[in-house]
Amino acid sequence: MLTEDRETNDETQQFRELDVFIDAHKDMEGNLIVILQKAQSIFGFLPRNVIEHISKATGRTQAKIYGVATFYTQFRLEPIGKNLILLCQGTACHVNGALTIEEAIRDELEIQDGETTEDGLFTLNNVACIGCCSLAPVMMIRNADGEETYGNLTKEKTVDILRAIRERESANGRQAQ
């Protein structure tokens, strides 16, 4: 019961934060994208109840909001894993083996592009370019601690990185108990 109360209080505070932002930006031209960006930064993704809330607060239809949220790849309608893998598929990375790296990630984590592992630890997203062409092939991993870029990847190096993260997360989970 205490967990449910804490979650309800956290969500109430999150909606308050969003409302303050919406109020501050309500007269700004083209404000829907920045409102969705803020909502996603607060909630981690754009769940249905958040879209409903934005609709009521801005007077825009849910269909319009969903249209914008599904048009831009930066927005997520589903939660992502604790570690977001951004795998570069730009020209330099593609030529230097990005498909092999993607295969290694898919085989190791048993997920496809846009999917999250069952344990919620990893999400894979292919991206057009990370901007580290001299390190091709390259991936960036974002989490609550920040982001780290890994370059000159091989299948083996990629699997080692993923296993090290999983082991670190497992060790952190054991310490928390």
C-alpha atoms as a PDB file:
ATOM      1  CA  MET A   1       0.000   0.000   0.000  1.00  0.00           C
ATOM      2  CA  LEU A   2       2.808   2.436   0.830  1.00  0.00           C
ATOM      3  CA  THR A   3       4.368   1.813  -2.570  1.00  0.00           C
ATOM      4  CA  GLU A   4       1.074   2.652  -4.304  1.00  0.00           C
ATOM      5  CA  ASP A   5       0.723   5.848  -2.244  1.00  0.00           C
ATOM      6  CA  ARG A   6       4.294   6.882  -3.079  1.00  0.00           C
ATOM      7  CA  GLU A   7       3.719   6.192  -6.786  1.00  0.00           C
ATOM      8  CA  THR A   8       0.483   8.226  -6.729  1.00  0.00           C
ATOM      9  CA  ASN A   9       2.263  11.125  -4.993  1.00  0.00           C
ATOM     10  CA  ASP A  10       5.155  10.942  -7.466  1.00  0.00           C
ATOM     11  CA  GLU A  11       2.748  10.983 -10.411  1.00  0.00           C
ATOM     12  CA  THR A  12       0.786  13.887  -8.917  1.00  0.00           C
ATOM     13  CA  GLN A  13       4.037  15.835  -8.559  1.00  0.00           C
ATOM     14  CA  GLN A  14       4.983  14.950 -12.143  1.00  0.00           C
ATOM     15  CA  PHE A  15       1.650  16.280 -13.430  1.00  0.00           C
ATOM     16  CA  ARG A  16       2.126  19.466 -11.392  1.00  0.00           C
ATOM     17  CA  GLU A  17       5.556  19.956 -12.968  1.00  0.00           C
ATOM     18  CA  LEU A  18       4.060  19.427 -16.422  1.00  0.00           C
ATOM     19  CA  ASP A  19       1.214  21.871 -15.704  1.00  0.00           C
ATOM     20  CA  VAL A  20       3.667  24.577 -14.645  1.00  0.00           C
ATOM     21  CA  PHE A  21       5.546  24.050 -17.915  1.00  0.00           C
ATOM     22  CA  ILE A  22       2.373  24.089 -20.006  1.00  0.00           C
ATOM     23  CA  ASP A  23       1.216  27.313 -18.321  1.00  0.00           C
ATOM     24  CA  ALA A  24       4.581  28.945 -19.021  1.00  0.00           C
ATOM     25  CA  HIS A  25       4.478  27.928 -22.695  1.00  0.00           C
ATOM     26  CA  LYS A  26       0.766  28.110 -23.517  1.00  0.00           C
ATOM     27  CA  ASP A  27       1.116  31.260 -25.631  1.00  0.00           C
ATOM     28  CA  MET A  28       4.252  30.146 -27.463  1.00  0.00           C
ATOM     29  CA  GLU A  29       3.819  29.455 -31.194  1.00  0.00           C
ATOM     30  CA  GLY A  30       4.377  25.772 -31.979  1.00  0.00           C
ATOM     31  CA  ASN A  31       4.399  24.820 -28.305  1.00  0.00           C
ATOM     32  CA  LEU A  32       3.166  21.238 -28.700  1.00  0.00           C
ATOM     33  CA  ILE A  33       6.579  19.780 -29.494  1.00  0.00           C
ATOM     34  CA  VAL A  34       8.270  21.426 -26.497  1.00  0.00           C
ATOM     35  CA  ILE A  35       5.383  20.345 -24.258  1.00  0.00           C
ATOM     36  CA  LEU A  36       5.734  16.759 -25.469  1.00  0.00           C
ATOM     37  CA  GLN A  37       9.507  16.923 -24.967  1.00  0.00           C
ATOM     38  CA  LYS A  38       9.010  18.127 -21.398  1.00  0.00           C
ATOM     39  CA  ALA A  39       6.357  15.498 -20.699  1.00  0.00           C
ATOM     40  CA  GLN A  40       8.663  12.775 -21.990  1.00  0.00           C
ATOM     41  CA  SER A  41      11.555  14.061 -19.880  1.00  0.00           C
ATOM     42  CA  ILE A  42       9.305  13.966 -16.791  1.00  0.00           C
ATOM     43  CA  PHE A  43       7.581  10.613 -17.383  1.00  0.00           C
ATOM     44  CA  GLY A  44      10.238   8.841 -19.479  1.00  0.00           C
ATOM     45  CA  PHE A  45       7.758   8.297 -22.324  1.00  0.00           C
ATOM     46  CA  LEU A  46       4.285   9.511 -23.342  1.00  0.00           C
ATOM     47  CA  PRO A  47       1.688   7.218 -21.772  1.00  0.00           C
ATOM     48  CA  ARG A  48      -1.989   7.556 -22.692  1.00  0.00           C
ATOM     49  CA  ASN A  49      -2.932   9.383 -19.472  1.00  0.00           C
ATOM     50  CA  VAL A  50      -0.251  12.014 -20.130  1.00  0.00           C
ATOM     51  CA  ILE A  51      -1.521  12.594 -23.666  1.00  0.00           C
ATOM     52  CA  GLU A  52      -5.067  12.903 -22.296  1.00  0.00           C
ATOM     53  CA  HIS A  53      -3.809  15.426 -19.740  1.00  0.00           C
ATOM     54  CA  ILE A  54      -1.979  17.478 -22.380  1.00  0.00           C
ATOM     55  CA  SER A  55      -5.116  17.425 -24.524  1.00  0.00           C
ATOM     56  CA  LYS A  56      -7.233  18.856 -21.712  1.00  0.00           C
ATOM     57  CA  ALA A  57      -4.579  21.401 -20.698  1.00  0.00           C
ATOM     58  CA  THR A  58      -3.940  22.697 -24.230  1.00  0.00           C
ATOM     59  CA  GLY A  59      -7.328  22.233 -25.881  1.00  0.00           C
ATOM     60  CA  ARG A  60      -5.775  20.137 -28.649  1.00  0.00           C
ATOM     61  CA  THR A  61      -7.334  16.839 -29.628  1.00  0.00           C
ATOM     62  CA  GLN A  62      -5.668  13.608 -28.597  1.00  0.00           C
ATOM     63  CA  ALA A  63      -5.550  12.697 -32.294  1.00  0.00           C
ATOM     64  CA  LYS A  64      -3.485  15.824 -33.029  1.00  0.00           C
ATOM     65  CA  ILE A  65      -1.125  15.055 -30.127  1.00  0.00           C
ATOM     66  CA  TYR A  66      -0.735  11.420 -31.185  1.00  0.00           C
ATOM     67  CA  GLY A  67      -0.099  12.614 -34.742  1.00  0.00           C
ATOM     68  CA  VAL A  68       2.818  14.756 -33.610  1.00  0.00           C
ATOM     69  CA  ALA A  69       4.112  12.140 -31.155  1.00  0.00           C
ATOM     70  CA  THR A  70       4.132   9.391 -33.777  1.00  0.00           C
ATOM     71  CA  PHE A  71       5.559  11.575 -36.559  1.00  0.00           C
ATOM     72  CA  TYR A  72       8.762  12.498 -34.700  1.00  0.00           C
ATOM     73  CA  THR A  73      11.070   9.628 -33.787  1.00  0.00           C
ATOM     74  CA  GLN A  74      12.254  11.405 -30.639  1.00  0.00           C
ATOM     75  CA  PHE A  75       8.952  10.601 -28.927  1.00  0.00           C
ATOM     76  CA  ARG A  76       8.188   7.263 -27.297  1.00  0.00           C
ATOM     77  CA  LEU A  77       4.745   5.887 -26.484  1.00  0.00           C
ATOM     78  CA  GLU A  78       6.206   2.936 -24.580  1.00  0.00           C
ATOM     79  CA  PRO A  79       8.711   2.929 -21.708  1.00  0.00           C
ATOM     80  CA  ILE A  80      12.344   2.336 -22.562  1.00  0.00           C
ATOM     81  CA  GLY A  81      14.941   0.232 -20.828  1.00  0.00           C
ATOM     82  CA  LYS A  82      17.279   1.497 -18.165  1.00  0.00           C
ATOM     83  CA  ASN A  83      20.042   1.565 -20.799  1.00  0.00           C
ATOM     84  CA  LEU A  84      19.103   3.026 -24.173  1.00  0.00           C
ATOM     85  CA  ILE A  85      21.401   1.756 -26.920  1.00  0.00           C
ATOM     86  CA  LEU A  86      21.667   4.185 -29.829  1.00  0.00           C
ATOM     87  CA  LEU A  87      23.304   2.263 -32.653  1.00  0.00           C
ATOM     88  CA  CYS A  88      24.581   4.415 -35.481  1.00  0.00           C
ATOM     89  CA  GLN A  89      23.503   3.349 -38.957  1.00  0.00           C
ATOM     90  CA  GLY A  90      25.108   6.288 -40.773  1.00  0.00           C
ATOM     91  CA  THR A  91      27.206   5.755 -43.885  1.00  0.00           C
ATOM     92  CA  ALA A  92      30.568   5.399 -42.131  1.00  0.00           C
ATOM     93  CA  CYS A  93      29.161   3.006 -39.558  1.00  0.00           C
ATOM     94  CA  HIS A  94      27.233   1.050 -42.171  1.00  0.00           C
ATOM     95  CA  VAL A  95      30.338   0.615 -44.329  1.00  0.00           C
ATOM     96  CA  ASN A  96      32.383  -0.408 -41.271  1.00  0.00           C
ATOM     97  CA  GLY A  97      30.015  -3.096 -40.015  1.00  0.00           C
ATOM     98  CA  ALA A  98      27.038  -1.588 -38.175  1.00  0.00           C
ATOM     99  CA  LEU A  99      24.834  -4.451 -39.364  1.00  0.00           C
ATOM    100  CA  THR A 100      27.205  -6.945 -37.751  1.00  0.00           C
ATOM    101  CA  ILE A 101      27.078  -4.945 -34.519  1.00  0.00           C
ATOM    102  CA  GLU A 102      23.281  -4.842 -34.670  1.00  0.00           C
ATOM    103  CA  GLU A 103      23.246  -8.615 -35.143  1.00  0.00           C
ATOM    104  CA  ALA A 104      25.494  -9.051 -32.080  1.00  0.00           C
ATOM    105  CA  ILE A 105      23.157  -6.874 -29.987  1.00  0.00           C
ATOM    106  CA  ARG A 106      20.054  -8.708 -31.250  1.00  0.00           C
ATOM    107  CA  ASP A 107      21.630 -12.102 -30.533  1.00  0.00           C
ATOM    108  CA  GLU A 108      22.922 -11.137 -27.081  1.00  0.00           C
ATOM    109  CA  LEU A 109      19.820  -9.295 -25.872  1.00  0.00           C
ATOM    110  CA  GLU A 110      17.162 -11.100 -27.937  1.00  0.00           C
ATOM    111  CA  ILE A 111      15.532  -7.840 -29.061  1.00  0.00           C
ATOM    112  CA  GLN A 112      14.987  -6.034 -32.358  1.00  0.00           C
ATOM    113  CA  ASP A 113      15.268  -2.341 -33.166  1.00  0.00           C
ATOM    114  CA  GLY A 114      12.802  -0.396 -30.998  1.00  0.00           C
ATOM    115  CA  GLU A 115      12.312  -3.232 -28.505  1.00  0.00           C
ATOM    116  CA  THR A 116      13.153  -3.506 -24.818  1.00  0.00           C
ATOM    117  CA  THR A 117      14.522  -6.570 -23.052  1.00  0.00           C
ATOM    118  CA  GLU A 118      12.078  -8.437 -20.823  1.00  0.00           C
ATOM    119  CA  ASP A 119      14.012  -7.368 -17.728  1.00  0.00           C
ATOM    120  CA  GLY A 120      13.714  -3.704 -18.752  1.00  0.00           C
ATOM    121  CA  LEU A 121      17.466  -3.263 -18.792  1.00  0.00           C
ATOM    122  CA  PHE A 122      18.087  -2.443 -22.481  1.00  0.00           C
ATOM    123  CA  THR A 123      16.286  -0.815 -25.394  1.00  0.00           C
ATOM    124  CA  LEU A 124      17.794  -0.831 -28.891  1.00  0.00           C
ATOM    125  CA  ASN A 125      17.296   2.127 -31.216  1.00  0.00           C
ATOM    126  CA  ASN A 126      18.965   2.421 -34.589  1.00  0.00           C
ATOM    127  CA  VAL A 127      19.744   6.065 -35.359  1.00  0.00           C
ATOM    128  CA  ALA A 128      20.785   7.843 -38.548  1.00  0.00           C
ATOM    129  CA  CYS A 129      24.028   9.295 -37.197  1.00  0.00           C
ATOM    130  CA  ILE A 130      25.722   9.870 -33.864  1.00  0.00           C
ATOM    131  CA  GLY A 131      28.422  12.110 -35.331  1.00  0.00           C
ATOM    132  CA  CYS A 132      31.446  10.015 -34.399  1.00  0.00           C
ATOM    133  CA  CYS A 133      32.330   8.816 -37.892  1.00  0.00           C
ATOM    134  CA  SER A 134      36.024   8.395 -37.106  1.00  0.00           C
ATOM    135  CA  LEU A 135      35.044   5.753 -34.507  1.00  0.00           C
ATOM    136  CA  ALA A 136      32.805   3.749 -36.854  1.00  0.00           C
ATOM    137  CA  PRO A 137      31.041   1.514 -36.106  1.00  0.00           C
ATOM    138  CA  VAL A 138      29.784   3.253 -32.977  1.00  0.00           C
ATOM    139  CA  MET A 139      27.018   3.059 -30.395  1.00  0.00           C
ATOM    140  CA  MET A 140      26.026   5.307 -27.534  1.00  0.00           C
ATOM    141  CA  ILE A 141      24.426   4.019 -24.354  1.00  0.00           C
ATOM    142  CA  ARG A 142      22.316   6.437 -22.306  1.00  0.00           C
ATOM    143  CA  ASN A 143      21.148   5.826 -18.765  1.00  0.00           C
ATOM    144  CA  ALA A 144      20.479   7.771 -15.574  1.00  0.00           C
ATOM    145  CA  ASP A 145      24.223   8.316 -15.099  1.00  0.00           C
ATOM    146  CA  GLY A 146      24.633  10.001 -18.499  1.00  0.00           C
ATOM    147  CA  GLU A 147      25.816   8.628 -21.795  1.00  0.00           C
ATOM    148  CA  GLU A 148      28.870   6.807 -23.018  1.00  0.00           C
ATOM    149  CA  THR A 149      30.041   6.358 -26.587  1.00  0.00           C
ATOM    150  CA  TYR A 150      31.723   3.139 -27.702  1.00  0.00           C
ATOM    151  CA  GLY A 151      33.628   3.107 -30.974  1.00  0.00           C
ATOM    152  CA  ASN A 152      35.618   0.845 -33.259  1.00  0.00           C
ATOM    153  CA  LEU A 153      33.191  -1.884 -32.308  1.00  0.00           C
ATOM    154  CA  THR A 154      33.490  -5.533 -33.149  1.00  0.00           C
ATOM    155  CA  LYS A 155      30.947  -8.241 -32.381  1.00  0.00           C
ATOM    156  CA  GLU A 156      33.062  -9.433 -29.467  1.00  0.00           C
ATOM    157  CA  LYS A 157      33.647  -5.947 -28.038  1.00  0.00           C
ATOM    158  CA  THR A 158      29.924  -5.196 -28.276  1.00  0.00           C
ATOM    159  CA  VAL A 159      28.930  -8.374 -26.435  1.00  0.00           C
ATOM    160  CA  ASP A 160      31.578  -7.677 -23.756  1.00  0.00           C
ATOM    161  CA  ILE A 161      30.177  -4.148 -23.215  1.00  0.00           C
ATOM    162  CA  LEU A 162      26.598  -5.412 -22.889  1.00  0.00           C
ATOM    163  CA  ARG A 163      27.595  -8.194 -20.499  1.00  0.00           C
ATOM    164  CA  ALA A 164      29.615  -5.766 -18.365  1.00  0.00           C
ATOM    165  CA  ILE A 165      26.612  -3.453 -18.067  1.00  0.00           C
ATOM    166  CA  ARG A 166      24.325  -6.358 -17.199  1.00  0.00           C
ATOM    167  CA  GLU A 167      26.816  -7.581 -14.569  1.00  0.00           C
ATOM    168  CA  ARG A 168      27.137  -4.071 -13.087  1.00  0.00           C
ATOM    169  CA  GLU A 169      23.338  -3.772 -12.912  1.00  0.00           C
ATOM    170  CA  SER A 170      23.089  -7.204 -11.312  1.00  0.00           C
ATOM    171  CA  ALA A 171      25.738  -6.280  -8.721  1.00  0.00           C
ATOM    172  CA  ASN A 172      23.922  -3.005  -7.967  1.00  0.00           C
ATOM    173  CA  GLY A 173      20.687  -4.969  -7.499  1.00  0.00           C
ATOM    174  CA  ARG A 174      22.381  -7.329  -5.058  1.00  0.00           C
ATOM    175  CA  GLN A 175      23.796  -4.384  -3.064  1.00  0.00           C
ATOM    176  CA  ALA A 176      20.380  -2.742  -2.845  1.00  0.00           C
ATOM    177  CA  GLN A 177      18.883  -5.825  -1.200  1.00  0.00           C
END
